[in-house]
Amino acid sequence: MRSGLPSPATIMGQGPSRARLEVLIPKGAAAIDLHFNPTEYKIEKKNKFSETAVPCLQSPLVKFDHGDSERLTTELLADTSDTLADVREKFVTPLRKLMRKDEEKHEPPIVRLSWHGEVFQGFLERLDVTYVLFRPDGVPLRAKLSLTLLKSQTVEEMEKEEPTHSPDVEKTWAARRGDTLAGISAVVYEDPRLWREIARANGIEDPRRLRPGTVLTVPRLR
C-alpha cells in the first residue's frame, strides 16, 4: 500500500530543492544552477598541534597551535545532453571564473552552496573536472565536478563561534576580508581601542588600508 508521500527522488527533482552556487561577493554575479543535486558532501575541520620531545619519555608533549579552516568537498554532475550544448561553456567556465582573483578585492569571490538552505560559504579552493560524455565531433556534454570550498569568516564571526582571549602572548594574525584593526584588537585584547598597539607593531600608518592576506604581528600587552 502506497503511503502517498513523495519519494526522495521526487523531492530532489523539485525546483526549490535544486542545488546552486551563489556568488555573495562581489554582488551582481549570476548564480550557477545545478541540474543534479549532490549525492553526498563532506565537511572537514582539523586542528594543528606541535610535539616537543622530552628526554626519557616515550611520548612527546603535545601543545595546541591553531585550528585549520573548515572545508567542504563534494562531487557534482553537469550535463547538457538534452540540448547538445558544450558543457564547458555552460558550467565549467563559469566555475573556473570563481577561482580567479577579483581586481578590486584582491581575492577570489565568496560563494555559497545552497540546497534546502545554505550548506556552506567560502572560497572555491579546488576544482577537478572529468569529461565523460561527448558529441560525435568531440564536444563534451557531461562533466563530473569534484570541488572543495574553503570556509570564509571575518574576525567578528569567528569570535562569536569560539571566543578566545590571551593578551599576554604575542600572536600572528592573517587578515581576511572584513577584518579591521579595531576588530582584531577587540578579539585579542578585549578592547577595540587598543588597535594602535597592532598598528605600531606592524608599521601601519593608515588603519583603513588592511589588505586581505596581510600577516600581522599582534604584540602582547605588558
N, C-alpha and C. Protein backbone atom coordinates (compact mmCIF):
# COMPACT_ATOMS: atom_id res chain seq x y z
N MET A 1 0.85 -1.19 0.00
CA MET A 1 0.00 0.00 0.00
C MET A 1 0.89 1.24 0.00
N ARG A 2 0.59 2.16 -0.90
CA ARG A 2 1.42 3.35 -1.00
C ARG A 2 1.01 4.36 0.06
N SER A 3 2.00 5.02 0.63
CA SER A 3 1.74 5.95 1.72
C SER A 3 1.27 7.31 1.22
N GLY A 4 1.53 7.61 -0.05
CA GLY A 4 1.16 8.91 -0.58
C GLY A 4 2.24 9.95 -0.43
N LEU A 5 3.31 9.63 0.31
CA LEU A 5 4.43 10.56 0.48
C LEU A 5 5.32 10.53 -0.74
N PRO A 6 5.90 11.67 -1.14
CA PRO A 6 6.80 11.68 -2.29
C PRO A 6 8.09 10.94 -1.99
N SER A 7 8.63 10.30 -3.00
CA SER A 7 9.89 9.59 -2.84
C SER A 7 11.04 10.57 -2.76
N PRO A 8 12.20 10.15 -2.22
CA PRO A 8 13.37 11.05 -2.21
C PRO A 8 13.74 11.56 -3.59
N ALA A 9 13.61 10.68 -4.60
CA ALA A 9 13.95 11.10 -5.97
C ALA A 9 13.01 12.20 -6.45
N THR A 10 11.74 12.10 -6.08
CA THR A 10 10.78 13.13 -6.47
C THR A 10 11.09 14.45 -5.80
N ILE A 11 11.41 14.38 -4.50
CA ILE A 11 11.74 15.60 -3.77
C ILE A 11 12.96 16.28 -4.37
N MET A 12 13.99 15.49 -4.72
CA MET A 12 15.22 16.06 -5.26
C MET A 12 15.00 16.70 -6.61
N GLY A 13 13.97 16.25 -7.34
CA GLY A 13 13.72 16.79 -8.67
C GLY A 13 12.91 18.06 -8.66
N GLN A 14 12.40 18.45 -7.50
CA GLN A 14 11.59 19.65 -7.43
C GLN A 14 12.46 20.90 -7.53
N GLY A 15 11.87 21.96 -8.13
CA GLY A 15 12.63 23.18 -8.35
C GLY A 15 13.23 23.79 -7.11
N PRO A 16 12.46 24.03 -6.04
CA PRO A 16 13.00 24.72 -4.86
C PRO A 16 14.13 23.99 -4.18
N SER A 17 14.26 22.66 -4.41
CA SER A 17 15.29 21.89 -3.73
C SER A 17 16.56 21.75 -4.55
N ARG A 18 16.60 22.39 -5.71
CA ARG A 18 17.76 22.23 -6.58
C ARG A 18 18.97 22.95 -6.01
N ALA A 19 20.11 22.29 -6.03
CA ALA A 19 21.34 22.88 -5.52
C ALA A 19 21.85 23.96 -6.47
N ARG A 20 22.52 24.96 -5.90
CA ARG A 20 23.07 26.03 -6.73
C ARG A 20 24.26 26.65 -6.01
N LEU A 21 25.14 27.27 -6.79
CA LEU A 21 26.26 28.03 -6.27
C LEU A 21 25.97 29.51 -6.50
N GLU A 22 25.88 30.26 -5.40
CA GLU A 22 25.57 31.68 -5.47
C GLU A 22 26.83 32.49 -5.16
N VAL A 23 27.04 33.55 -5.89
CA VAL A 23 28.17 34.45 -5.65
C VAL A 23 27.70 35.54 -4.68
N LEU A 24 28.29 35.58 -3.49
CA LEU A 24 27.90 36.57 -2.48
C LEU A 24 28.68 37.87 -2.64
N ILE A 25 29.99 37.75 -2.86
CA ILE A 25 30.87 38.91 -3.03
C ILE A 25 31.84 38.60 -4.18
N PRO A 26 31.92 39.46 -5.20
CA PRO A 26 31.17 40.70 -5.39
C PRO A 26 29.73 40.44 -5.81
N LYS A 27 28.86 41.36 -5.46
CA LYS A 27 27.45 41.20 -5.75
C LYS A 27 27.18 41.43 -7.24
N GLY A 28 26.07 40.83 -7.69
CA GLY A 28 25.66 41.05 -9.07
C GLY A 28 25.98 39.90 -10.01
N ALA A 29 26.86 38.99 -9.61
CA ALA A 29 27.21 37.87 -10.48
C ALA A 29 26.09 36.84 -10.50
N ALA A 30 25.91 36.19 -11.62
CA ALA A 30 24.83 35.21 -11.78
C ALA A 30 25.15 33.93 -11.02
N ALA A 31 24.11 33.33 -10.43
CA ALA A 31 24.27 32.05 -9.74
C ALA A 31 24.38 30.93 -10.76
N ILE A 32 24.99 29.83 -10.34
CA ILE A 32 25.13 28.65 -11.20
C ILE A 32 24.15 27.60 -10.69
N ASP A 33 23.09 27.36 -11.44
CA ASP A 33 22.09 26.37 -11.06
C ASP A 33 22.52 24.99 -11.54
N LEU A 34 22.43 24.01 -10.65
CA LEU A 34 22.85 22.64 -10.96
C LEU A 34 21.63 21.78 -11.27
N HIS A 35 21.71 21.01 -12.34
CA HIS A 35 20.59 20.15 -12.72
C HIS A 35 20.50 18.90 -11.86
N PHE A 36 21.62 18.54 -11.25
CA PHE A 36 21.65 17.34 -10.41
C PHE A 36 22.19 17.72 -9.04
N ASN A 37 21.47 17.35 -8.01
CA ASN A 37 21.92 17.61 -6.65
C ASN A 37 23.04 16.66 -6.26
N PRO A 38 23.91 17.05 -5.32
CA PRO A 38 24.96 16.13 -4.87
C PRO A 38 24.37 14.93 -4.15
N THR A 39 25.01 13.78 -4.30
CA THR A 39 24.57 12.58 -3.58
C THR A 39 25.14 12.58 -2.16
N GLU A 40 26.23 13.32 -1.95
CA GLU A 40 26.82 13.44 -0.63
C GLU A 40 27.80 14.60 -0.63
N TYR A 41 28.11 15.10 0.56
CA TYR A 41 29.18 16.08 0.71
C TYR A 41 29.81 15.88 2.08
N LYS A 42 31.08 16.26 2.18
CA LYS A 42 31.84 16.07 3.42
C LYS A 42 32.36 17.41 3.90
N ILE A 43 32.20 17.68 5.20
CA ILE A 43 32.75 18.88 5.83
C ILE A 43 33.85 18.46 6.79
N GLU A 44 35.02 19.05 6.61
CA GLU A 44 36.21 18.63 7.36
C GLU A 44 36.79 19.80 8.14
N LYS A 45 37.16 19.54 9.38
CA LYS A 45 37.81 20.56 10.25
C LYS A 45 38.94 19.88 11.00
N LYS A 46 40.14 20.48 10.97
CA LYS A 46 41.31 19.91 11.63
C LYS A 46 41.91 20.92 12.60
N ASN A 47 42.63 20.39 13.58
CA ASN A 47 43.45 21.19 14.48
C ASN A 47 44.92 20.89 14.26
N LYS A 48 45.76 21.88 14.50
CA LYS A 48 47.21 21.70 14.39
C LYS A 48 47.82 21.67 15.79
N PHE A 49 48.73 20.72 16.01
CA PHE A 49 49.41 20.58 17.29
C PHE A 49 50.92 20.50 17.06
N SER A 50 51.67 20.97 18.03
CA SER A 50 53.13 20.82 17.98
C SER A 50 53.54 19.78 19.02
N GLU A 51 54.57 19.03 18.67
CA GLU A 51 55.07 17.99 19.56
C GLU A 51 56.50 18.30 19.98
N THR A 52 56.76 18.23 21.28
CA THR A 52 58.08 18.51 21.82
C THR A 52 58.60 17.26 22.52
N ALA A 53 59.72 16.76 22.01
CA ALA A 53 60.30 15.56 22.61
C ALA A 53 60.94 15.89 23.96
N VAL A 54 60.71 15.02 24.92
CA VAL A 54 61.27 15.17 26.25
C VAL A 54 62.14 13.95 26.55
N PRO A 55 63.41 14.15 26.94
CA PRO A 55 64.28 13.00 27.24
C PRO A 55 63.67 12.08 28.29
N CYS A 56 63.82 10.79 28.05
CA CYS A 56 63.38 9.73 28.97
C CYS A 56 61.87 9.49 28.94
N LEU A 57 61.14 10.24 28.12
CA LEU A 57 59.71 9.98 27.98
C LEU A 57 59.45 9.34 26.62
N GLN A 58 58.53 8.37 26.59
CA GLN A 58 58.26 7.66 25.35
C GLN A 58 57.35 8.44 24.40
N SER A 59 56.65 9.42 24.91
CA SER A 59 55.77 10.23 24.07
C SER A 59 56.11 11.70 24.24
N PRO A 60 55.97 12.48 23.16
CA PRO A 60 56.27 13.91 23.26
C PRO A 60 55.14 14.66 23.96
N LEU A 61 55.47 15.87 24.38
CA LEU A 61 54.44 16.76 24.91
C LEU A 61 53.70 17.39 23.73
N VAL A 62 52.40 17.38 23.81
CA VAL A 62 51.57 17.89 22.71
C VAL A 62 50.94 19.22 23.14
N LYS A 63 51.07 20.23 22.27
CA LYS A 63 50.51 21.55 22.55
C LYS A 63 49.70 22.02 21.36
N PHE A 64 48.53 22.54 21.63
CA PHE A 64 47.66 23.05 20.57
C PHE A 64 48.25 24.33 19.98
N ASP A 65 48.32 24.39 18.65
CA ASP A 65 48.81 25.57 17.95
C ASP A 65 47.66 26.43 17.43
N HIS A 66 46.89 25.87 16.51
CA HIS A 66 45.79 26.62 15.93
C HIS A 66 44.86 25.66 15.19
N GLY A 67 43.69 26.14 14.87
CA GLY A 67 42.74 25.36 14.08
C GLY A 67 42.86 25.69 12.61
N ASP A 68 42.71 24.67 11.76
CA ASP A 68 42.70 24.90 10.32
C ASP A 68 41.33 25.36 9.86
N SER A 69 41.27 25.92 8.67
CA SER A 69 39.99 26.34 8.12
C SER A 69 39.12 25.14 7.79
N GLU A 70 37.83 25.34 7.90
CA GLU A 70 36.87 24.28 7.58
C GLU A 70 36.74 24.16 6.07
N ARG A 71 36.57 22.93 5.58
CA ARG A 71 36.46 22.67 4.15
C ARG A 71 35.27 21.78 3.84
N LEU A 72 34.65 22.04 2.71
CA LEU A 72 33.60 21.17 2.19
C LEU A 72 34.07 20.58 0.88
N THR A 73 33.92 19.28 0.72
CA THR A 73 34.24 18.62 -0.55
C THR A 73 33.00 17.87 -1.03
N THR A 74 32.77 17.91 -2.31
CA THR A 74 31.63 17.21 -2.89
C THR A 74 31.88 16.97 -4.36
N GLU A 75 31.07 16.11 -4.96
CA GLU A 75 31.12 15.85 -6.39
C GLU A 75 29.77 16.18 -6.99
N LEU A 76 29.82 16.92 -8.10
CA LEU A 76 28.61 17.33 -8.80
C LEU A 76 28.67 16.84 -10.23
N LEU A 77 27.51 16.79 -10.87
CA LEU A 77 27.42 16.35 -12.26
C LEU A 77 26.80 17.46 -13.09
N ALA A 78 27.50 17.86 -14.14
CA ALA A 78 27.00 18.85 -15.07
C ALA A 78 26.70 18.16 -16.39
N ASP A 79 25.51 18.41 -16.96
CA ASP A 79 25.09 17.67 -18.16
C ASP A 79 24.31 18.59 -19.08
N THR A 80 24.65 18.56 -20.38
CA THR A 80 23.93 19.32 -21.40
C THR A 80 23.50 18.41 -22.55
N SER A 81 23.34 17.10 -22.25
CA SER A 81 23.00 16.15 -23.31
C SER A 81 21.60 16.39 -23.86
N ASP A 82 20.75 17.11 -23.11
CA ASP A 82 19.40 17.39 -23.61
C ASP A 82 19.40 18.45 -24.70
N THR A 83 20.39 19.36 -24.66
CA THR A 83 20.46 20.42 -25.66
C THR A 83 21.64 20.26 -26.61
N LEU A 84 22.57 19.33 -26.27
CA LEU A 84 23.79 19.09 -27.04
C LEU A 84 24.72 20.30 -27.05
N ALA A 85 24.53 21.20 -26.08
CA ALA A 85 25.43 22.35 -25.96
C ALA A 85 26.73 21.92 -25.29
N ASP A 86 27.75 22.73 -25.45
CA ASP A 86 29.07 22.45 -24.86
C ASP A 86 28.98 22.64 -23.35
N VAL A 87 29.22 21.57 -22.58
CA VAL A 87 29.11 21.65 -21.13
C VAL A 87 30.17 22.58 -20.54
N ARG A 88 31.25 22.80 -21.25
CA ARG A 88 32.30 23.70 -20.76
C ARG A 88 31.79 25.14 -20.71
N GLU A 89 31.04 25.54 -21.73
CA GLU A 89 30.56 26.92 -21.79
C GLU A 89 29.49 27.19 -20.73
N LYS A 90 28.63 26.20 -20.47
CA LYS A 90 27.50 26.43 -19.56
C LYS A 90 27.88 26.27 -18.10
N PHE A 91 28.80 25.35 -17.78
CA PHE A 91 29.09 25.05 -16.39
C PHE A 91 30.57 25.21 -16.02
N VAL A 92 31.45 24.60 -16.79
CA VAL A 92 32.85 24.53 -16.38
C VAL A 92 33.51 25.90 -16.37
N THR A 93 33.35 26.68 -17.43
CA THR A 93 33.97 28.01 -17.49
C THR A 93 33.47 28.93 -16.39
N PRO A 94 32.15 29.02 -16.13
CA PRO A 94 31.70 29.85 -15.01
C PRO A 94 32.27 29.42 -13.67
N LEU A 95 32.46 28.10 -13.48
CA LEU A 95 33.04 27.63 -12.22
C LEU A 95 34.51 28.02 -12.12
N ARG A 96 35.23 27.92 -13.22
CA ARG A 96 36.64 28.30 -13.20
C ARG A 96 36.81 29.78 -12.88
N LYS A 97 35.88 30.60 -13.33
CA LYS A 97 35.97 32.04 -13.05
C LYS A 97 35.88 32.32 -11.56
N LEU A 98 35.25 31.41 -10.80
CA LEU A 98 35.12 31.60 -9.36
C LEU A 98 36.45 31.41 -8.63
N MET A 99 37.48 30.94 -9.35
CA MET A 99 38.79 30.74 -8.75
C MET A 99 39.74 31.89 -9.08
N ARG A 100 39.29 32.83 -9.89
CA ARG A 100 40.15 33.95 -10.28
C ARG A 100 40.09 35.08 -9.26
N LYS A 101 41.19 35.77 -9.09
CA LYS A 101 41.26 36.88 -8.15
C LYS A 101 40.52 38.09 -8.69
N ASP A 102 39.67 38.66 -7.86
CA ASP A 102 38.97 39.88 -8.21
C ASP A 102 39.96 41.06 -8.16
N GLU A 103 39.92 41.93 -9.17
CA GLU A 103 40.89 43.01 -9.25
C GLU A 103 40.76 44.01 -8.11
N GLU A 104 39.54 44.22 -7.63
CA GLU A 104 39.34 45.20 -6.56
C GLU A 104 39.52 44.57 -5.18
N LYS A 105 39.03 43.35 -4.99
CA LYS A 105 39.09 42.70 -3.68
C LYS A 105 40.40 41.96 -3.45
N HIS A 106 41.15 41.70 -4.51
CA HIS A 106 42.45 41.02 -4.43
C HIS A 106 42.32 39.59 -3.90
N GLU A 107 41.19 38.97 -4.11
CA GLU A 107 40.98 37.58 -3.74
C GLU A 107 39.80 37.05 -4.55
N PRO A 108 39.65 35.72 -4.66
CA PRO A 108 38.53 35.16 -5.43
C PRO A 108 37.19 35.50 -4.78
N PRO A 109 36.11 35.31 -5.53
CA PRO A 109 34.78 35.59 -4.98
C PRO A 109 34.43 34.66 -3.81
N ILE A 110 33.56 35.14 -2.94
CA ILE A 110 32.99 34.30 -1.88
C ILE A 110 31.68 33.74 -2.41
N VAL A 111 31.55 32.42 -2.37
CA VAL A 111 30.37 31.75 -2.92
C VAL A 111 29.65 30.98 -1.82
N ARG A 112 28.41 30.61 -2.10
CA ARG A 112 27.61 29.85 -1.16
C ARG A 112 26.96 28.69 -1.89
N LEU A 113 27.16 27.49 -1.36
CA LEU A 113 26.46 26.31 -1.86
C LEU A 113 25.14 26.21 -1.14
N SER A 114 24.05 26.32 -1.88
CA SER A 114 22.71 26.29 -1.29
C SER A 114 21.97 25.05 -1.76
N TRP A 115 21.26 24.44 -0.83
CA TRP A 115 20.45 23.26 -1.13
C TRP A 115 19.54 23.04 0.08
N HIS A 116 18.26 23.35 -0.05
CA HIS A 116 17.37 23.39 1.10
C HIS A 116 17.92 24.37 2.15
N GLY A 117 18.35 25.53 1.71
CA GLY A 117 19.00 26.48 2.58
C GLY A 117 20.51 26.43 2.39
N GLU A 118 21.22 27.28 3.11
CA GLU A 118 22.67 27.35 2.97
C GLU A 118 23.34 26.10 3.50
N VAL A 119 24.26 25.55 2.73
CA VAL A 119 25.06 24.40 3.13
C VAL A 119 26.44 24.85 3.59
N PHE A 120 27.07 25.74 2.80
CA PHE A 120 28.45 26.14 3.10
C PHE A 120 28.76 27.43 2.36
N GLN A 121 29.63 28.24 2.96
CA GLN A 121 30.02 29.52 2.37
C GLN A 121 31.52 29.68 2.44
N GLY A 122 32.13 30.06 1.32
CA GLY A 122 33.58 30.26 1.32
C GLY A 122 34.14 30.45 -0.07
N PHE A 123 35.45 30.21 -0.21
CA PHE A 123 36.15 30.33 -1.49
C PHE A 123 36.19 28.97 -2.18
N LEU A 124 36.15 28.99 -3.51
CA LEU A 124 36.36 27.77 -4.28
C LEU A 124 37.85 27.51 -4.32
N GLU A 125 38.31 26.55 -3.52
CA GLU A 125 39.74 26.29 -3.38
C GLU A 125 40.26 25.35 -4.46
N ARG A 126 39.45 24.37 -4.86
CA ARG A 126 39.92 23.37 -5.83
C ARG A 126 38.77 22.92 -6.71
N LEU A 127 39.08 22.68 -7.99
CA LEU A 127 38.08 22.20 -8.94
C LEU A 127 38.75 21.19 -9.88
N ASP A 128 38.28 19.96 -9.85
CA ASP A 128 38.74 18.91 -10.76
C ASP A 128 37.59 18.54 -11.69
N VAL A 129 37.87 18.51 -12.99
CA VAL A 129 36.84 18.25 -13.99
C VAL A 129 37.20 16.99 -14.78
N THR A 130 36.24 16.07 -14.88
CA THR A 130 36.41 14.86 -15.68
C THR A 130 35.27 14.79 -16.69
N TYR A 131 35.59 14.80 -17.99
CA TYR A 131 34.57 14.74 -19.03
C TYR A 131 34.28 13.27 -19.35
N VAL A 132 32.99 12.92 -19.41
CA VAL A 132 32.62 11.50 -19.53
C VAL A 132 31.64 11.23 -20.68
N LEU A 133 31.11 12.25 -21.35
CA LEU A 133 30.18 12.04 -22.47
C LEU A 133 30.44 13.10 -23.52
N PHE A 134 30.47 12.68 -24.81
CA PHE A 134 30.85 13.60 -25.88
C PHE A 134 29.91 13.47 -27.07
N ARG A 135 29.83 14.55 -27.84
CA ARG A 135 29.16 14.51 -29.14
C ARG A 135 30.07 13.82 -30.14
N PRO A 136 29.54 13.41 -31.29
CA PRO A 136 30.40 12.77 -32.30
C PRO A 136 31.58 13.63 -32.73
N ASP A 137 31.44 14.97 -32.62
CA ASP A 137 32.54 15.86 -33.02
C ASP A 137 33.50 16.15 -31.87
N GLY A 138 33.30 15.46 -30.73
CA GLY A 138 34.24 15.61 -29.62
C GLY A 138 33.88 16.64 -28.58
N VAL A 139 32.81 17.41 -28.80
CA VAL A 139 32.40 18.41 -27.82
C VAL A 139 31.84 17.71 -26.58
N PRO A 140 32.35 18.03 -25.38
CA PRO A 140 31.87 17.34 -24.17
C PRO A 140 30.46 17.78 -23.78
N LEU A 141 29.66 16.79 -23.34
CA LEU A 141 28.28 17.06 -22.93
C LEU A 141 28.05 16.79 -21.46
N ARG A 142 28.96 16.08 -20.83
CA ARG A 142 28.77 15.74 -19.41
C ARG A 142 30.12 15.81 -18.71
N ALA A 143 30.11 16.36 -17.48
CA ALA A 143 31.35 16.51 -16.72
C ALA A 143 31.09 16.19 -15.26
N LYS A 144 31.99 15.44 -14.67
CA LYS A 144 31.98 15.21 -13.23
C LYS A 144 32.85 16.28 -12.58
N LEU A 145 32.30 16.99 -11.62
CA LEU A 145 32.98 18.12 -10.99
C LEU A 145 33.27 17.79 -9.54
N SER A 146 34.54 17.71 -9.21
CA SER A 146 34.95 17.50 -7.82
C SER A 146 35.49 18.82 -7.31
N LEU A 147 34.82 19.40 -6.30
CA LEU A 147 35.21 20.73 -5.84
C LEU A 147 35.37 20.78 -4.33
N THR A 148 36.20 21.73 -3.92
CA THR A 148 36.46 21.97 -2.49
C THR A 148 36.20 23.43 -2.20
N LEU A 149 35.41 23.70 -1.17
CA LEU A 149 35.16 25.06 -0.70
C LEU A 149 35.89 25.28 0.61
N LEU A 150 36.57 26.41 0.73
CA LEU A 150 37.30 26.79 1.94
C LEU A 150 36.49 27.85 2.67
N LYS A 151 36.14 27.59 3.92
CA LYS A 151 35.24 28.47 4.66
C LYS A 151 35.85 29.86 4.84
N SER A 152 35.02 30.87 4.69
CA SER A 152 35.44 32.26 4.85
C SER A 152 34.67 32.88 6.00
N GLN A 153 35.40 33.46 6.96
CA GLN A 153 34.79 34.13 8.10
C GLN A 153 35.56 35.40 8.45
N THR A 154 34.87 36.39 8.96
CA THR A 154 35.51 37.59 9.46
C THR A 154 35.91 37.36 10.91
N VAL A 155 36.68 38.31 11.46
CA VAL A 155 37.09 38.23 12.85
C VAL A 155 35.88 38.14 13.77
N GLU A 156 34.89 38.99 13.52
CA GLU A 156 33.72 39.03 14.38
C GLU A 156 32.96 37.72 14.35
N GLU A 157 32.84 37.09 13.17
CA GLU A 157 32.12 35.82 13.06
C GLU A 157 32.85 34.71 13.81
N MET A 158 34.18 34.68 13.71
CA MET A 158 34.94 33.66 14.43
C MET A 158 34.86 33.86 15.93
N GLU A 159 34.85 35.12 16.36
CA GLU A 159 34.79 35.41 17.79
C GLU A 159 33.45 34.96 18.38
N LYS A 160 32.38 35.11 17.62
CA LYS A 160 31.07 34.67 18.10
C LYS A 160 31.02 33.16 18.27
N GLU A 161 31.68 32.43 17.36
CA GLU A 161 31.66 30.97 17.43
C GLU A 161 32.54 30.45 18.56
N GLU A 162 33.71 31.03 18.73
CA GLU A 162 34.67 30.49 19.70
C GLU A 162 35.53 31.61 20.27
N PRO A 163 35.03 32.32 21.29
CA PRO A 163 35.81 33.42 21.86
C PRO A 163 37.04 32.92 22.60
N THR A 164 38.19 33.52 22.29
CA THR A 164 39.45 33.18 22.98
C THR A 164 40.19 34.48 23.26
N HIS A 165 40.75 34.60 24.45
CA HIS A 165 41.45 35.82 24.83
C HIS A 165 42.73 35.45 25.56
N SER A 166 43.86 35.99 25.11
CA SER A 166 45.13 35.80 25.81
C SER A 166 46.05 36.97 25.43
N PRO A 167 45.81 38.16 25.99
CA PRO A 167 46.58 39.34 25.60
C PRO A 167 48.03 39.32 26.05
N ASP A 168 48.41 38.35 26.89
CA ASP A 168 49.78 38.33 27.39
C ASP A 168 50.71 37.49 26.53
N VAL A 169 50.24 37.02 25.37
CA VAL A 169 51.05 36.20 24.49
C VAL A 169 51.07 36.84 23.10
N GLU A 170 52.27 36.99 22.52
CA GLU A 170 52.38 37.55 21.17
C GLU A 170 51.85 36.55 20.16
N LYS A 171 51.11 37.05 19.15
CA LYS A 171 50.50 36.19 18.15
C LYS A 171 50.75 36.74 16.76
N THR A 172 50.39 35.97 15.77
CA THR A 172 50.29 36.46 14.40
C THR A 172 48.85 36.31 13.94
N TRP A 173 48.44 37.18 13.05
CA TRP A 173 47.04 37.17 12.59
C TRP A 173 47.04 37.41 11.09
N ALA A 174 46.46 36.47 10.32
CA ALA A 174 46.32 36.63 8.87
C ALA A 174 45.02 37.36 8.58
N ALA A 175 45.11 38.56 8.07
CA ALA A 175 43.93 39.38 7.84
C ALA A 175 43.09 38.79 6.71
N ARG A 176 41.76 38.83 6.93
CA ARG A 176 40.83 38.37 5.92
C ARG A 176 39.88 39.50 5.58
N ARG A 177 39.13 39.30 4.52
CA ARG A 177 38.20 40.33 4.09
C ARG A 177 37.24 40.69 5.23
N GLY A 178 37.09 41.95 5.49
CA GLY A 178 36.19 42.42 6.55
C GLY A 178 36.90 42.69 7.86
N ASP A 179 38.15 42.23 8.01
CA ASP A 179 38.89 42.47 9.25
C ASP A 179 39.27 43.94 9.39
N THR A 180 39.29 44.42 10.62
CA THR A 180 39.78 45.76 10.94
C THR A 180 40.71 45.65 12.14
N LEU A 181 41.59 46.62 12.30
CA LEU A 181 42.49 46.61 13.45
C LEU A 181 41.69 46.68 14.75
N ALA A 182 40.62 47.46 14.75
CA ALA A 182 39.79 47.56 15.95
C ALA A 182 39.11 46.22 16.25
N GLY A 183 38.67 45.51 15.19
CA GLY A 183 38.03 44.22 15.39
C GLY A 183 39.00 43.18 15.93
N ILE A 184 40.23 43.17 15.38
CA ILE A 184 41.24 42.24 15.87
C ILE A 184 41.59 42.57 17.31
N SER A 185 41.71 43.86 17.62
CA SER A 185 42.02 44.28 18.98
C SER A 185 40.91 43.86 19.95
N ALA A 186 39.67 43.92 19.49
CA ALA A 186 38.54 43.51 20.34
C ALA A 186 38.60 42.03 20.66
N VAL A 187 39.06 41.23 19.68
CA VAL A 187 39.14 39.78 19.88
C VAL A 187 40.29 39.43 20.81
N VAL A 188 41.47 39.98 20.53
CA VAL A 188 42.68 39.58 21.27
C VAL A 188 42.79 40.28 22.62
N TYR A 189 42.54 41.60 22.62
CA TYR A 189 42.73 42.38 23.84
C TYR A 189 41.44 42.66 24.60
N GLU A 190 40.30 42.28 24.01
CA GLU A 190 39.00 42.59 24.59
C GLU A 190 38.77 44.09 24.71
N ASP A 191 39.43 44.85 23.84
CA ASP A 191 39.29 46.30 23.86
C ASP A 191 39.64 46.84 22.48
N PRO A 192 38.65 47.26 21.68
CA PRO A 192 38.95 47.74 20.33
C PRO A 192 39.80 49.01 20.32
N ARG A 193 39.85 49.72 21.43
CA ARG A 193 40.62 50.97 21.47
C ARG A 193 42.13 50.73 21.44
N LEU A 194 42.56 49.50 21.65
CA LEU A 194 43.99 49.19 21.66
C LEU A 194 44.52 48.84 20.27
N TRP A 195 43.78 49.18 19.22
CA TRP A 195 44.22 48.85 17.87
C TRP A 195 45.56 49.51 17.51
N ARG A 196 45.87 50.61 18.19
CA ARG A 196 47.14 51.30 17.89
C ARG A 196 48.35 50.43 18.26
N GLU A 197 48.19 49.53 19.23
CA GLU A 197 49.28 48.62 19.57
C GLU A 197 49.63 47.74 18.37
N ILE A 198 48.61 47.26 17.67
CA ILE A 198 48.84 46.42 16.49
C ILE A 198 49.40 47.25 15.34
N ALA A 199 48.84 48.46 15.16
CA ALA A 199 49.32 49.33 14.09
C ALA A 199 50.79 49.68 14.31
N ARG A 200 51.17 49.99 15.55
CA ARG A 200 52.55 50.36 15.85
C ARG A 200 53.51 49.18 15.62
N ALA A 201 53.09 47.98 15.99
CA ALA A 201 53.95 46.80 15.85
C ALA A 201 54.17 46.42 14.40
N ASN A 202 53.27 46.84 13.51
CA ASN A 202 53.37 46.46 12.11
C ASN A 202 53.67 47.63 11.18
N GLY A 203 53.93 48.81 11.77
CA GLY A 203 54.26 49.97 10.96
C GLY A 203 53.12 50.43 10.07
N ILE A 204 51.89 50.29 10.54
CA ILE A 204 50.72 50.67 9.75
C ILE A 204 50.37 52.12 10.07
N GLU A 205 50.36 52.95 9.04
CA GLU A 205 50.02 54.36 9.22
C GLU A 205 48.54 54.62 8.98
N ASP A 206 47.95 53.87 8.05
CA ASP A 206 46.53 54.06 7.74
C ASP A 206 45.78 52.77 8.11
N PRO A 207 45.08 52.75 9.24
CA PRO A 207 44.40 51.52 9.67
C PRO A 207 43.26 51.11 8.76
N ARG A 208 42.81 51.99 7.89
CA ARG A 208 41.73 51.65 6.99
C ARG A 208 42.22 50.83 5.81
N ARG A 209 43.53 50.80 5.60
CA ARG A 209 44.09 50.04 4.48
C ARG A 209 44.68 48.74 4.99
N LEU A 210 43.81 47.76 5.19
CA LEU A 210 44.22 46.45 5.67
C LEU A 210 43.87 45.43 4.61
N ARG A 211 44.86 45.02 3.83
CA ARG A 211 44.60 44.14 2.69
C ARG A 211 44.47 42.70 3.15
N PRO A 212 43.52 41.95 2.59
CA PRO A 212 43.39 40.53 2.93
C PRO A 212 44.68 39.78 2.63
N GLY A 213 45.05 38.88 3.51
CA GLY A 213 46.27 38.11 3.35
C GLY A 213 47.47 38.68 4.09
N THR A 214 47.35 39.92 4.58
CA THR A 214 48.44 40.52 5.34
C THR A 214 48.61 39.80 6.67
N VAL A 215 49.82 39.37 6.97
CA VAL A 215 50.10 38.68 8.23
C VAL A 215 50.58 39.72 9.24
N LEU A 216 49.82 39.90 10.30
CA LEU A 216 50.10 40.91 11.30
C LEU A 216 50.73 40.29 12.54
N THR A 217 51.62 41.03 13.16
CA THR A 217 52.12 40.68 14.49
C THR A 217 51.23 41.35 15.52
N VAL A 218 50.65 40.56 16.39
CA VAL A 218 49.81 41.10 17.47
C VAL A 218 50.62 41.02 18.75
N PRO A 219 51.19 42.14 19.20
CA PRO A 219 52.10 42.11 20.34
C PRO A 219 51.35 41.84 21.66
N ARG A 220 52.07 41.25 22.59
CA ARG A 220 51.47 41.03 23.91
C ARG A 220 51.48 42.34 24.68
N LEU A 221 50.49 42.47 25.56
CA LEU A 221 50.42 43.68 26.38
C LEU A 221 51.26 43.47 27.63
N ARG A 222 52.06 44.43 27.92
CA ARG A 222 52.96 44.32 29.08
C ARG A 222 52.27 44.84 30.33
